[in-house]
Amino acid sequence: MVHRYRSTLPKWYAESKFLQSEAQSTVSDSTENYTFGHMFKTPTNSSYRDGNHLKINFCHLEFPWDCSGVLSDPPRNIAQIAKQIYATISSEQDGAIAPRCLVDCTLKDKKSVDEVIDGFRQSGFKCEENVVDQVMCLETSKKRGQADGGVWRVGADSLGLLVECNARCFGYDESGDTHWLGEKLERQVRQPKHFAVYALNQDGADGSLSNSIDAFAVVFTPYEKARDLAYVQVMGTRPDRRRRGLATRVLSHALASLPPSVERVYLEAFDQGAIAMYERLGFHKAGTTTTAECTLN
């Protein structure tokens, strides 16, 4: 039976959500992710599972604990469950990261979304509503990027430099807790079929000679399940190296290095400067997603 939402899901939405869910599940055993429910699968391939349009499209709890699982539908008391899991972890480990739940509001009616968010708020979560991201899509037949001899693919020998760069890009170095980040990036580097991690040093040193990484990008391709899709999961430039075109070089090289089977590449962005850069590389605005970020105080 065809799922009743199958024909109404926008292609960009279904495919980008599918890529995000697969990227999370691929690294869930080492990055301590717990996903409630299934993300959307692309409606363009009949081999993907139907029936996964949920009241909460995506709730992702992130904390330093090896835990993964899937529920067919998030329970109504999901906020209490999240709080209980966090309390258990906090009693077992020091320095646990507060769980963060993303409630997808894009395609659901406001009343049902408000009920879920209110449940998180009543359970002690800080809820930031109406967080809007721009979904960008590149059809690789139109523009694919250019190879850059200064960009290299990160291997295990450069993992420490990658962690340090990532931590500086997103402020994790200020908290001092990068153990979970190291585990996540190591898993990605060691899964070359699924993840390609590219890096650049502005001084031109290659991976074997560089003593730092100034910009990087992580590209995910669900090799077995959707060879025609790819997702730029994360990319960043060190704060003191920004506005020098380094991110453009890394991403352009990553696009040029995609497998020939990839037809569409997705990413999400909210910064207008970044969006302009993506458009210069051939991406177009496919749609917007609206979420509520609920973080336990």
Protein backbone atom coordinates (compact mmCIF):
# COMPACT_ATOMS: atom_id res chain seq x y z
CA MET A 1 0.00 0.00 0.00
CA VAL A 2 1.32 3.44 -0.88
CA HIS A 3 1.75 5.61 2.16
CA ARG A 4 -0.69 8.52 2.16
CA TYR A 5 2.10 11.11 2.47
CA ARG A 6 4.23 9.60 -0.28
CA SER A 7 2.82 11.63 -3.15
CA THR A 8 2.70 14.91 -1.22
CA LEU A 9 6.25 15.03 0.14
CA PRO A 10 8.40 17.48 -1.82
CA LYS A 11 11.30 15.68 -3.44
CA TRP A 12 13.91 18.01 -1.90
CA TYR A 13 12.45 17.48 1.56
CA ALA A 14 12.23 13.71 1.35
CA GLU A 15 15.73 13.30 -0.08
CA SER A 16 17.47 15.73 2.29
CA LYS A 17 15.79 14.13 5.31
CA PHE A 18 16.73 10.69 4.09
CA LEU A 19 20.37 11.72 3.74
CA GLN A 20 20.44 13.21 7.22
CA SER A 21 18.93 10.09 8.79
CA GLU A 22 21.36 7.79 7.01
CA ALA A 23 24.33 9.92 8.01
CA GLN A 24 23.23 9.77 11.64
CA SER A 25 22.63 6.03 11.65
CA THR A 26 25.94 5.36 9.93
CA VAL A 27 27.88 6.88 12.82
CA SER A 28 25.42 6.28 15.67
CA ASP A 29 27.37 3.44 17.24
CA SER A 30 30.36 5.67 17.91
CA THR A 31 28.97 9.16 18.34
CA GLU A 32 26.38 8.37 20.98
CA ASN A 33 23.29 9.32 19.02
CA TYR A 34 19.78 8.19 19.83
CA THR A 35 17.16 8.64 17.14
CA PHE A 36 13.45 8.38 17.86
CA GLY A 37 11.56 7.27 14.80
CA HIS A 38 12.57 7.12 11.17
CA MET A 39 13.44 10.03 8.96
CA PHE A 40 11.79 10.41 5.59
CA LYS A 41 13.02 8.11 2.85
CA THR A 42 13.24 9.38 -0.69
CA PRO A 43 10.01 8.81 -2.67
CA THR A 44 11.97 8.25 -5.87
CA ASN A 45 13.13 4.75 -4.97
CA SER A 46 10.54 2.06 -4.27
CA SER A 47 13.00 -0.03 -2.25
CA TYR A 48 12.94 2.46 0.64
CA ARG A 49 10.49 1.91 3.49
CA ASP A 50 7.18 3.77 3.52
CA GLY A 51 4.97 4.74 6.40
CA ASN A 52 7.46 6.88 8.31
CA HIS A 53 5.80 10.28 8.46
CA LEU A 54 5.81 10.91 12.18
CA LYS A 55 4.32 13.45 14.53
CA ILE A 56 7.90 14.32 15.38
CA ASN A 57 9.85 14.00 12.19
CA PHE A 58 13.22 14.13 13.88
CA CYS A 59 14.26 13.98 17.51
CA HIS A 60 17.95 13.59 17.99
CA LEU A 61 19.54 13.23 21.40
CA GLU A 62 23.30 13.70 21.48
CA PHE A 63 25.38 12.82 24.49
CA PRO A 64 28.51 10.77 25.36
CA TRP A 65 26.99 7.35 25.68
CA ASP A 66 26.96 4.39 23.31
CA CYS A 67 23.25 4.11 22.68
CA SER A 68 21.20 3.66 19.52
CA GLY A 69 17.69 2.56 18.73
CA VAL A 70 14.57 3.23 16.74
CA LEU A 71 10.91 3.51 17.73
CA SER A 72 8.20 3.22 15.13
CA ASP A 73 6.52 6.35 16.50
CA PRO A 74 7.73 8.71 19.24
CA PRO A 75 5.68 8.28 22.41
CA ARG A 76 3.66 11.20 23.73
CA ASN A 77 5.95 11.44 26.76
CA ILE A 78 9.10 11.68 24.67
CA ALA A 79 10.31 14.70 26.66
CA GLN A 80 10.17 12.75 29.92
CA ILE A 81 11.97 9.82 28.31
CA ALA A 82 14.72 12.13 27.08
CA LYS A 83 15.10 13.63 30.53
CA GLN A 84 15.26 10.20 32.19
CA ILE A 85 17.92 8.98 29.76
CA TYR A 86 19.99 12.08 30.40
CA ALA A 87 19.67 11.64 34.17
CA THR A 88 20.89 8.04 33.88
CA ILE A 89 23.86 9.04 31.77
CA SER A 90 24.78 11.96 34.02
CA SER A 91 24.93 9.61 37.00
CA GLU A 92 27.30 7.28 35.14
CA GLN A 93 29.61 9.74 33.40
CA ASP A 94 31.14 13.14 33.99
CA GLY A 95 30.68 16.05 31.61
CA ALA A 96 27.75 14.63 29.63
CA ILE A 97 26.44 16.89 26.90
CA ALA A 98 22.83 17.98 27.39
CA PRO A 99 20.49 16.21 24.97
CA ARG A 100 19.17 18.33 22.13
CA CYS A 101 15.94 17.40 20.38
CA LEU A 102 15.01 18.81 16.99
CA VAL A 103 11.28 18.91 16.35
CA ASP A 104 10.56 19.28 12.65
CA CYS A 105 7.75 21.79 12.11
CA THR A 106 7.94 22.13 8.33
CA LEU A 107 5.12 19.83 7.25
CA LYS A 108 3.07 19.38 10.40
CA ASP A 109 0.09 21.33 11.64
CA LYS A 110 0.93 23.93 14.28
CA LYS A 111 -1.32 22.49 16.99
CA SER A 112 0.35 19.07 17.10
CA VAL A 113 3.82 20.63 16.99
CA ASP A 114 2.96 23.05 19.80
CA GLU A 115 1.80 20.13 21.98
CA VAL A 116 5.13 18.36 21.55
CA ILE A 117 7.18 21.50 22.22
CA ASP A 118 5.09 22.33 25.29
CA GLY A 119 5.86 18.86 26.60
CA PHE A 120 9.59 19.55 26.32
CA ARG A 121 9.20 22.97 27.92
CA GLN A 122 7.23 21.54 30.86
CA SER A 123 9.97 18.93 31.34
CA GLY A 124 12.63 21.60 31.85
CA PHE A 125 13.90 22.02 28.29
CA LYS A 126 14.79 25.38 26.81
CA CYS A 127 12.95 25.58 23.49
CA GLU A 128 14.03 27.83 20.64
CA GLU A 129 11.25 27.85 18.06
CA ASN A 130 11.10 28.80 14.39
CA VAL A 131 14.70 27.91 13.58
CA VAL A 132 14.78 28.19 9.78
CA ASP A 133 17.38 26.54 7.53
CA GLN A 134 17.72 26.86 3.78
CA VAL A 135 17.99 23.53 1.96
CA MET A 136 20.33 23.86 -1.02
CA CYS A 137 20.57 21.39 -3.90
CA LEU A 138 23.16 20.93 -6.64
CA GLU A 139 22.33 18.98 -9.77
CA THR A 140 25.78 17.71 -10.65
CA SER A 141 25.08 17.55 -14.38
CA LYS A 142 25.06 21.36 -14.37
CA LYS A 143 28.13 22.08 -12.27
CA ARG A 144 30.44 19.74 -10.44
CA GLY A 145 33.35 21.80 -9.10
CA GLN A 146 37.04 21.74 -9.90
CA ALA A 147 39.82 19.64 -8.41
CA ASP A 148 42.29 21.57 -6.24
CA GLY A 149 45.81 20.25 -5.81
CA GLY A 150 46.06 21.92 -2.38
CA VAL A 151 43.15 19.96 -0.94
CA TRP A 152 43.74 16.48 0.45
CA ARG A 153 41.56 13.69 1.74
CA VAL A 154 41.97 13.31 5.49
CA GLY A 155 43.25 9.98 6.75
CA ALA A 156 43.69 8.58 10.23
CA ASP A 157 47.15 10.16 10.46
CA SER A 158 45.60 13.66 10.29
CA LEU A 159 42.71 12.95 12.65
CA GLY A 160 44.12 15.05 15.48
CA LEU A 161 44.45 18.07 13.19
CA LEU A 162 40.88 17.57 11.98
CA VAL A 163 39.49 17.44 15.52
CA GLU A 164 41.40 20.58 16.47
CA CYS A 165 40.13 22.47 13.41
CA ASN A 166 36.55 21.33 13.92
CA ALA A 167 36.64 22.32 17.59
CA ARG A 168 37.90 25.80 16.75
CA CYS A 169 35.39 26.26 13.94
CA PHE A 170 32.39 25.62 16.17
CA GLY A 171 33.67 26.70 19.57
CA TYR A 172 34.02 23.24 21.09
CA ASP A 173 37.56 24.12 22.15
CA GLU A 174 36.11 26.60 24.63
CA SER A 175 34.28 23.84 26.49
CA GLY A 176 37.38 21.65 26.42
CA ASP A 177 35.36 18.47 25.77
CA THR A 178 36.32 17.10 22.35
CA HIS A 179 36.46 13.37 23.13
CA TRP A 180 33.03 12.73 21.56
CA LEU A 181 34.03 14.82 18.55
CA GLY A 182 37.19 12.77 18.05
CA GLU A 183 35.20 9.54 18.11
CA LYS A 184 32.71 10.86 15.56
CA LEU A 185 35.34 12.14 13.15
CA GLU A 186 37.42 8.97 13.49
CA ARG A 187 34.42 6.86 12.53
CA GLN A 188 33.81 9.04 9.48
CA VAL A 189 37.44 8.95 8.38
CA ARG A 190 37.47 5.17 8.71
CA GLN A 191 34.33 4.73 6.56
CA PRO A 192 35.64 5.89 3.15
CA LYS A 193 32.73 4.32 1.28
CA HIS A 194 30.26 6.56 3.09
CA PHE A 195 32.22 9.60 4.21
CA ALA A 196 34.80 11.67 2.37
CA VAL A 197 36.61 14.20 4.56
CA TYR A 198 38.61 16.88 2.73
CA ALA A 199 40.95 19.46 4.24
CA LEU A 200 43.12 22.40 3.27
CA ASN A 201 46.06 24.27 4.74
CA GLN A 202 46.31 27.81 3.43
CA ASP A 203 50.10 27.59 3.30
CA GLY A 204 49.84 24.82 0.72
CA ALA A 205 51.28 21.94 2.75
CA ASP A 206 49.82 18.55 1.90
CA GLY A 207 48.35 16.13 4.42
CA SER A 208 51.65 14.48 5.26
CA LEU A 209 53.48 17.75 5.87
CA SER A 210 50.83 20.07 7.29
CA ASN A 211 50.86 20.96 10.98
CA SER A 212 47.32 22.35 10.90
CA ILE A 213 44.02 22.21 9.02
CA ASP A 214 42.47 25.56 8.17
CA ALA A 215 39.26 24.41 6.42
CA PHE A 216 37.48 21.09 5.98
CA ALA A 217 34.32 19.49 4.60
CA VAL A 218 32.60 16.17 5.30
CA VAL A 219 30.56 14.67 2.46
CA PHE A 220 28.26 11.69 2.98
CA THR A 221 27.15 9.30 0.23
CA PRO A 222 24.79 6.40 1.11
CA TYR A 223 26.73 4.05 -1.17
CA GLU A 224 24.49 1.00 -0.86
CA LYS A 225 21.09 2.70 -0.60
CA ALA A 226 21.13 5.79 -2.81
CA ARG A 227 24.10 6.15 -5.13
CA ASP A 228 22.51 9.14 -6.83
CA LEU A 229 22.51 11.31 -3.69
CA ALA A 230 25.14 13.00 -1.54
CA TYR A 231 25.02 15.30 1.46
CA VAL A 232 27.51 17.89 2.68
CA GLN A 233 27.16 17.08 6.35
CA VAL A 234 29.43 19.74 7.79
CA MET A 235 32.14 22.14 6.70
CA GLY A 236 34.04 24.91 8.42
CA THR A 237 36.96 27.32 8.39
CA ARG A 238 39.07 28.31 11.39
CA PRO A 239 37.94 31.74 12.66
CA ASP A 240 41.32 33.35 11.98
CA ARG A 241 41.40 32.00 8.40
CA ARG A 242 37.96 33.06 7.18
CA ARG A 243 37.13 35.27 4.18
CA ARG A 244 40.07 33.94 2.18
CA GLY A 245 38.16 31.57 -0.10
CA LEU A 246 39.33 28.42 1.70
CA ALA A 247 35.84 26.95 2.19
CA THR A 248 35.07 27.51 -1.49
CA ARG A 249 38.22 25.64 -2.49
CA VAL A 250 37.53 22.68 -0.21
CA LEU A 251 33.89 22.32 -1.24
CA SER A 252 34.67 22.77 -4.93
CA HIS A 253 37.24 19.97 -4.71
CA ALA A 254 34.79 17.76 -2.79
CA LEU A 255 32.17 18.22 -5.51
CA ALA A 256 34.70 17.42 -8.23
CA SER A 257 35.60 14.22 -6.35
CA LEU A 258 32.06 12.85 -6.06
CA PRO A 259 31.39 9.38 -7.50
CA PRO A 260 30.06 9.56 -11.09
CA SER A 261 26.74 8.07 -9.95
CA VAL A 262 25.85 11.10 -7.79
CA GLU A 263 23.21 13.27 -9.45
CA ARG A 264 22.13 15.57 -6.61
CA VAL A 265 23.95 17.01 -3.63
CA TYR A 266 22.16 18.55 -0.65
CA LEU A 267 23.21 20.74 2.25
CA GLU A 268 21.55 23.08 4.75
CA ALA A 269 22.57 26.63 5.58
CA PHE A 270 21.28 29.69 7.42
CA ASP A 271 24.12 32.19 6.98
CA GLN A 272 23.52 34.47 3.99
CA GLY A 273 27.22 34.69 3.17
CA ALA A 274 27.48 30.91 3.04
CA ILE A 275 24.33 30.66 0.94
CA ALA A 276 25.83 33.09 -1.59
CA MET A 277 28.98 30.94 -1.76
CA TYR A 278 26.94 27.80 -2.39
CA GLU A 279 25.03 29.53 -5.17
CA ARG A 280 28.29 30.51 -6.85
CA LEU A 281 29.22 26.83 -6.86
CA GLY A 282 25.97 25.91 -8.60
CA PHE A 283 23.60 25.17 -5.71
CA HIS A 284 20.03 26.47 -5.84
CA LYS A 285 17.54 27.05 -3.06
CA ALA A 286 15.29 24.00 -2.94
CA GLY A 287 13.20 24.87 0.12
CA THR A 288 13.28 25.79 3.80
CA THR A 289 12.90 23.67 6.91
CA THR A 290 11.58 24.97 10.22
CA THR A 291 12.47 23.30 13.50
CA ALA A 292 12.31 23.84 17.22
CA GLU A 293 15.52 23.13 19.13
CA CYS A 294 14.79 21.81 22.61
CA THR A 295 17.81 21.59 24.91
CA LEU A 296 17.74 20.39 28.50
CA ASN A 297 18.88 23.17 30.81
